[in-house]
Amino acid sequence: MSVDSAIVRRIAHLSRIAVGDDEVERLGQELNAILAFVEELNAVDVSGVEPLTSVLPMKMKKREDVVTDGGFADDILANAPEREDHFFVVPKVIE
C-alpha cells in the first residue's frame, strides 16, 4: 500500500491534526517507510516463538481476592461536614 497526499490529508483530518501543505509530502514518505518496515516484519517467521508479556522473567504479584467491608467507615467520615450513621449527608439534587 502506498500513501499519497490525499491519504495523508485524510489521516490528518481524522486525527484532528493540523498539517500544512509543505508537510504533506514529508509525512507521506514517513508513513510509506513505516508501512515498508511493517511489511518486513510480516515476512519474519515467528512460528516457533512463544509470545512474551515481558522481556524479563517475572511472576505477577497477586493478592488474595477477599471481599471486605473496608472497616474504615469512621476514619473516612471523620472529616465529613455532615454525616448520618456511616453515610455522607449531601444536599438533594433531584426533585
C-alpha atoms as a PDB file:
ATOM      1  CA  MET A   1       0.000   0.000   0.000  1.00  0.00           C
ATOM      2  CA  SER A   2       1.293   3.405  -0.905  1.00  0.00           C
ATOM      3  CA  VAL A   3       0.319   6.526   0.988  1.00  0.00           C
ATOM      4  CA  ASP A   4      -0.339   9.553  -1.221  1.00  0.00           C
ATOM      5  CA  SER A   5      -1.084  13.165  -0.295  1.00  0.00           C
ATOM      6  CA  ALA A   6      -4.866  12.582  -0.225  1.00  0.00           C
ATOM      7  CA  ILE A   7      -4.456   9.781   2.337  1.00  0.00           C
ATOM      8  CA  VAL A   8      -2.114  11.931   4.446  1.00  0.00           C
ATOM      9  CA  ARG A   9      -4.679  14.742   4.469  1.00  0.00           C
ATOM     10  CA  ARG A  10      -7.460  12.287   5.383  1.00  0.00           C
ATOM     11  CA  ILE A  11      -5.412  10.794   8.236  1.00  0.00           C
ATOM     12  CA  ALA A  12      -4.620  14.302   9.487  1.00  0.00           C
ATOM     13  CA  HIS A  13      -8.303  15.242   9.327  1.00  0.00           C
ATOM     14  CA  LEU A  14      -9.412  12.103  11.184  1.00  0.00           C
ATOM     15  CA  SER A  15      -6.674  12.659  13.784  1.00  0.00           C
ATOM     16  CA  ARG A  16      -7.624  16.311  14.179  1.00  0.00           C
ATOM     17  CA  ILE A  17      -4.012  17.301  13.445  1.00  0.00           C
ATOM     18  CA  ALA A  18      -3.232  20.469  11.521  1.00  0.00           C
ATOM     19  CA  VAL A  19      -0.891  19.569   8.672  1.00  0.00           C
ATOM     20  CA  GLY A  20       0.436  22.270   6.388  1.00  0.00           C
ATOM     21  CA  ASP A  21       0.778  21.776   2.632  1.00  0.00           C
ATOM     22  CA  ASP A  22       4.558  21.837   2.984  1.00  0.00           C
ATOM     23  CA  GLU A  23       4.443  18.876   5.419  1.00  0.00           C
ATOM     24  CA  VAL A  24       2.179  16.558   3.407  1.00  0.00           C
ATOM     25  CA  GLU A  25       4.856  15.076   1.154  1.00  0.00           C
ATOM     26  CA  ARG A  26       7.335  14.500   4.000  1.00  0.00           C
ATOM     27  CA  LEU A  27       4.655  12.829   6.141  1.00  0.00           C
ATOM     28  CA  GLY A  28       3.642  10.641   3.197  1.00  0.00           C
ATOM     29  CA  GLN A  29       7.242   9.467   2.818  1.00  0.00           C
ATOM     30  CA  GLU A  30       7.492   8.742   6.547  1.00  0.00           C
ATOM     31  CA  LEU A  31       4.234   6.771   6.544  1.00  0.00           C
ATOM     32  CA  ASN A  32       5.405   4.784   3.500  1.00  0.00           C
ATOM     33  CA  ALA A  33       8.680   3.994   5.311  1.00  0.00           C
ATOM     34  CA  ILE A  34       6.742   2.812   8.380  1.00  0.00           C
ATOM     35  CA  LEU A  35       4.484   0.613   6.252  1.00  0.00           C
ATOM     36  CA  ALA A  36       7.518  -0.842   4.440  1.00  0.00           C
ATOM     37  CA  PHE A  37       9.075  -1.709   7.797  1.00  0.00           C
ATOM     38  CA  VAL A  38       5.866  -3.417   8.924  1.00  0.00           C
ATOM     39  CA  GLU A  39       5.877  -5.439   5.692  1.00  0.00           C
ATOM     40  CA  GLU A  40       9.425  -6.544   6.507  1.00  0.00           C
ATOM     41  CA  LEU A  41       8.280  -7.629   9.965  1.00  0.00           C
ATOM     42  CA  ASN A  42       5.409  -9.610   8.439  1.00  0.00           C
ATOM     43  CA  ALA A  43       7.958 -11.605   6.427  1.00  0.00           C
ATOM     44  CA  VAL A  44       9.704 -12.891   9.571  1.00  0.00           C
ATOM     45  CA  ASP A  45       8.840 -16.484  10.524  1.00  0.00           C
ATOM     46  CA  VAL A  46       7.808 -16.484  14.202  1.00  0.00           C
ATOM     47  CA  SER A  47       6.007 -19.836  14.231  1.00  0.00           C
ATOM     48  CA  GLY A  48       8.265 -21.333  16.937  1.00  0.00           C
ATOM     49  CA  VAL A  49       8.493 -18.252  19.146  1.00  0.00           C
ATOM     50  CA  GLU A  50       6.472 -18.054  22.350  1.00  0.00           C
ATOM     51  CA  PRO A  51       4.585 -14.779  22.919  1.00  0.00           C
ATOM     52  CA  LEU A  52       6.101 -12.512  25.582  1.00  0.00           C
ATOM     53  CA  THR A  53       4.487 -10.210  28.088  1.00  0.00           C
ATOM     54  CA  SER A  54       7.847  -9.027  29.403  1.00  0.00           C
ATOM     55  CA  VAL A  55      11.474  -9.383  28.398  1.00  0.00           C
ATOM     56  CA  LEU A  56      12.366 -10.246  31.989  1.00  0.00           C
ATOM     57  CA  PRO A  57      11.069 -13.455  33.546  1.00  0.00           C
ATOM     58  CA  MET A  58       8.841 -12.455  36.438  1.00  0.00           C
ATOM     59  CA  LYS A  59       5.760 -13.605  38.255  1.00  0.00           C
ATOM     60  CA  MET A  60       2.861 -11.264  38.751  1.00  0.00           C
ATOM     61  CA  LYS A  61       2.376 -10.221  42.345  1.00  0.00           C
ATOM     62  CA  LYS A  62      -1.085 -11.256  43.373  1.00  0.00           C
ATOM     63  CA  ARG A  63      -3.072 -10.690  46.493  1.00  0.00           C
ATOM     64  CA  GLU A  64      -5.787 -12.897  47.840  1.00  0.00           C
ATOM     65  CA  ASP A  65      -9.154 -11.859  46.436  1.00  0.00           C
ATOM     66  CA  VAL A  66     -11.211 -11.358  49.573  1.00  0.00           C
ATOM     67  CA  VAL A  67     -14.350  -9.265  49.860  1.00  0.00           C
ATOM     68  CA  THR A  68     -14.278  -6.972  52.892  1.00  0.00           C
ATOM     69  CA  ASP A  69     -16.323  -4.009  54.017  1.00  0.00           C
ATOM     70  CA  GLY A  70     -13.144  -1.980  54.464  1.00  0.00           C
ATOM     71  CA  GLY A  71     -13.681  -1.397  58.144  1.00  0.00           C
ATOM     72  CA  PHE A  72     -12.644   2.248  57.856  1.00  0.00           C
ATOM     73  CA  ALA A  73     -16.028   3.993  57.887  1.00  0.00           C
ATOM     74  CA  ASP A  74     -15.245   6.093  60.967  1.00  0.00           C
ATOM     75  CA  ASP A  75     -11.868   7.170  59.573  1.00  0.00           C
ATOM     76  CA  ILE A  76     -13.368   8.041  56.181  1.00  0.00           C
ATOM     77  CA  LEU A  77     -16.221  10.047  57.686  1.00  0.00           C
ATOM     78  CA  ALA A  78     -14.009  11.862  60.231  1.00  0.00           C
ATOM     79  CA  ASN A  79     -13.673  14.958  58.024  1.00  0.00           C
ATOM     80  CA  ALA A  80     -17.195  14.909  56.597  1.00  0.00           C
ATOM     81  CA  PRO A  81     -19.079  18.139  57.268  1.00  0.00           C
ATOM     82  CA  GLU A  82     -22.282  16.208  57.846  1.00  0.00           C
ATOM     83  CA  ARG A  83     -22.936  12.504  58.345  1.00  0.00           C
ATOM     84  CA  GLU A  84     -25.622  10.104  59.470  1.00  0.00           C
ATOM     85  CA  ASP A  85     -24.693   6.639  60.739  1.00  0.00           C
ATOM     86  CA  HIS A  86     -21.954   5.530  58.316  1.00  0.00           C
ATOM     87  CA  PHE A  87     -23.080   7.696  55.370  1.00  0.00           C
ATOM     88  CA  PHE A  88     -22.265  11.141  53.971  1.00  0.00           C
ATOM     89  CA  VAL A  89     -25.165  13.588  54.085  1.00  0.00           C
ATOM     90  CA  VAL A  90     -25.374  15.675  50.913  1.00  0.00           C
ATOM     91  CA  PRO A  91     -27.910  18.179  49.599  1.00  0.00           C
ATOM     92  CA  LYS A  92     -30.736  16.814  47.499  1.00  0.00           C
ATOM     93  CA  VAL A  93     -30.080  17.432  43.801  1.00  0.00           C
ATOM     94  CA  ILE A  94     -33.149  15.840  42.183  1.00  0.00           C
ATOM     95  CA  GLU A  95     -36.637  16.949  42.992  1.00  0.00           C
END
